[in-house]
Protein backbone atom coordinates (compact mmCIF):
# COMPACT_ATOMS: atom_id res chain seq x y z
CA MET A 1 0.00 0.00 0.00
CA ALA A 2 1.46 3.38 -0.93
CA LEU A 3 0.53 6.33 1.23
CA ALA A 4 -0.71 9.34 -0.70
CA GLY A 5 2.01 11.91 -1.04
CA THR A 6 4.68 9.92 0.83
CA GLY A 7 6.05 7.51 -1.75
CA VAL A 8 6.35 5.01 1.14
CA ALA A 9 4.99 1.51 0.62
CA MET A 10 4.05 -0.53 3.69
CA ALA A 11 2.36 -3.88 4.04
CA SER A 12 2.34 -4.23 7.80
CA GLU A 13 0.35 -6.74 9.79
CA PRO A 14 -1.71 -5.45 12.71
CA HIS A 15 -0.31 -5.71 16.23
CA SER A 16 -2.86 -6.31 18.97
CA ASN A 17 -3.06 -6.75 22.72
CA THR A 18 -5.88 -7.03 25.26
CA ARG A 19 -5.79 -6.60 29.02
CA ARG A 20 -8.46 -6.84 31.69
CA PHE A 21 -8.67 -5.05 35.02
CA HIS A 22 -11.20 -4.60 37.78
CA LEU A 23 -12.79 -1.43 39.15
CA ASP A 24 -14.88 -1.28 42.33
CA ALA A 25 -17.75 0.57 40.69
CA PRO A 26 -20.65 -0.51 38.48
CA CYS A 27 -20.46 -0.21 34.70
CA ALA A 28 -23.07 2.57 34.74
CA ARG A 29 -20.57 4.72 36.65
CA VAL A 30 -17.40 3.56 34.92
CA PHE A 31 -18.49 3.45 31.27
CA PRO A 32 -18.78 7.27 30.75
CA LEU A 33 -15.08 7.57 31.68
CA PHE A 34 -14.15 5.93 28.36
CA THR A 35 -15.55 8.71 26.16
CA ALA A 36 -13.52 11.59 24.72
CA VAL A 37 -14.78 14.01 27.37
CA GLY A 38 -14.99 11.46 30.20
CA GLU A 39 -11.35 10.49 29.84
CA LYS A 40 -10.37 14.04 30.88
CA GLN A 41 -11.37 13.05 34.44
CA TRP A 42 -8.54 10.53 34.77
CA ALA A 43 -6.01 10.69 31.91
CA GLU A 44 -3.33 13.27 32.58
CA GLY A 45 -2.80 15.56 29.59
CA TRP A 46 -5.85 14.22 27.72
CA ASP A 47 -7.39 17.23 25.98
CA PRO A 48 -9.49 16.15 23.00
CA MET A 49 -10.69 18.67 20.43
CA LEU A 50 -14.21 17.65 19.41
CA LEU A 51 -14.64 17.76 15.63
CA SER A 52 -18.23 16.50 15.43
CA GLY A 53 -20.85 15.05 17.73
CA SER A 54 -19.94 13.90 21.22
CA GLU A 55 -19.72 10.27 22.28
CA HIS A 56 -22.08 8.64 19.77
CA ARG A 57 -21.17 6.54 16.72
CA GLY A 58 -19.75 8.75 13.98
CA SER A 59 -18.52 11.43 16.37
CA ALA A 60 -14.92 12.51 15.85
CA PHE A 61 -12.20 14.22 17.84
CA GLN A 62 -8.47 14.86 17.73
CA THR A 63 -5.73 14.63 20.31
CA ARG A 64 -2.20 15.99 20.26
CA HIS A 65 0.54 14.09 22.07
CA PRO A 66 3.23 16.18 23.83
CA ASP A 67 5.66 15.21 21.03
CA GLY A 68 3.30 16.88 18.51
CA GLN A 69 1.72 13.68 17.12
CA VAL A 70 -1.87 14.41 16.02
CA THR A 71 -4.34 11.53 16.24
CA THR A 72 -7.84 11.63 14.80
CA TRP A 73 -10.40 9.37 16.51
CA ILE A 74 -13.81 8.27 15.19
CA VAL A 75 -16.37 6.57 17.42
CA THR A 76 -17.34 3.33 15.65
CA GLU A 77 -19.51 1.87 18.41
CA TYR A 78 -21.17 3.42 21.44
CA ASP A 79 -23.50 1.14 23.40
CA PRO A 80 -23.68 2.02 27.11
CA ALA A 81 -26.35 -0.62 27.81
CA ALA A 82 -23.99 -3.34 26.51
CA GLY A 83 -20.90 -1.66 28.01
CA ARG A 84 -19.14 -1.32 24.64
CA VAL A 85 -17.33 1.60 23.03
CA SER A 86 -14.93 1.40 20.09
CA TYR A 87 -12.81 3.86 18.18
CA ALA A 88 -10.94 3.92 14.88
CA ARG A 89 -7.84 6.11 15.05
CA LEU A 90 -5.28 7.58 12.67
CA ALA A 91 -1.99 8.85 14.06
CA GLU A 92 -0.87 11.03 11.16
CA GLY A 93 2.16 9.69 9.32
CA SER A 94 2.54 6.84 11.79
CA ASN A 95 -0.18 4.24 12.33
CA ILE A 96 -3.85 3.39 12.17
CA GLY A 97 -5.79 1.36 14.66
CA LEU A 98 -8.81 0.27 16.59
CA VAL A 99 -9.48 0.63 20.30
CA ASP A 100 -12.19 -1.48 21.93
CA VAL A 101 -13.33 -1.07 25.52
CA ARG A 102 -15.74 -3.52 27.14
CA CYS A 103 -17.28 -3.12 30.59
CA THR A 104 -18.98 -6.11 32.21
CA LYS A 105 -20.35 -6.77 35.68
CA ASP A 106 -17.73 -8.33 37.95
CA GLY A 107 -19.05 -9.00 41.44
CA ASN A 108 -19.97 -5.61 42.91
CA GLY A 109 -17.79 -3.83 40.38
CA SER A 110 -16.75 -3.93 36.75
CA ALA A 111 -14.31 -5.86 34.59
CA ILE A 112 -12.78 -3.66 31.92
CA ASP A 113 -11.25 -5.19 28.78
CA VAL A 114 -9.16 -2.87 26.63
CA THR A 115 -7.90 -3.95 23.20
CA TYR A 116 -5.61 -1.90 20.97
CA THR A 117 -4.98 -3.10 17.42
CA LEU A 118 -2.42 -0.96 15.59
CA THR A 119 -0.94 -1.14 12.10
CA GLY A 120 2.14 0.83 11.09
CA LEU A 121 1.88 3.06 8.03
CA THR A 122 5.57 3.90 7.96
CA PRO A 123 8.67 2.18 9.32
CA LYS A 124 8.51 4.50 12.35
CA GLY A 125 4.81 3.70 12.76
CA GLU A 126 5.49 -0.04 12.50
CA THR A 127 8.04 0.22 15.30
CA PHE A 128 5.59 2.24 17.39
CA ALA A 129 2.76 -0.28 16.86
CA ALA A 130 4.97 -3.25 17.75
CA ASN A 131 6.39 -1.55 20.86
CA PHE A 132 3.03 -0.17 22.03
CA THR A 133 1.33 -3.58 21.94
CA ALA A 134 4.31 -5.51 23.35
CA ASP A 135 3.24 -7.31 26.53
CA ALA A 136 5.47 -5.38 28.97
CA HIS A 137 4.54 -1.92 27.66
CA TYR A 138 0.86 -2.72 27.26
CA ALA A 139 0.53 -4.24 30.74
CA ALA A 140 2.25 -1.19 32.28
CA MET A 141 -0.07 1.18 30.39
CA ILE A 142 -3.20 -0.67 31.47
CA ASP A 143 -1.92 -0.73 35.08
CA GLU A 144 -1.55 3.07 34.84
CA TRP A 145 -5.10 3.33 33.49
CA GLN A 146 -6.42 1.28 36.39
CA GLY A 147 -4.58 3.41 38.96
CA ALA A 148 -5.76 6.66 37.42
CA LEU A 149 -9.35 5.42 37.17
CA VAL A 150 -9.36 4.27 40.81
CA LYS A 151 -8.19 7.76 41.86
CA ALA A 152 -10.87 9.43 39.71
CA LEU A 153 -13.60 7.21 41.13
CA VAL A 154 -12.50 7.97 44.71
CA ALA A 155 -12.31 11.71 43.98
CA LYS A 156 -15.88 11.76 42.62
CA PRO A 157 -17.83 9.11 44.54
């Protein structure tokens, strides 16, 4: 596949990883924290610019990483009753991907499954996708998510 205007051809395979963690709160309380706006309550530096809509399917927003990387996100599924939200994302000049979050009842709380599937568009993007989804990095990231979410839930009971 050649990227328009880059002259770079890539035929990368997707890299994927899934992790599960527990939160001591019901899905009805936890689920809204996985929307563009909701994530601001727990993800340090998360400052999405809404492009259209809000949290519903077809809504879009952009984020800018501290290194300048711009990522455009499109909501592909939003089903609070089923505890499912999914996003398609394009990190400009780097990678494309899917992010799936599932919230299910787990005792008195919630089990959260987070899956990232990333495909490099450039050699740099391929390296990023492989490193991001590598078990050690991915587990550490999801552990950080869990810690930040626990703090947010305690701060706003």
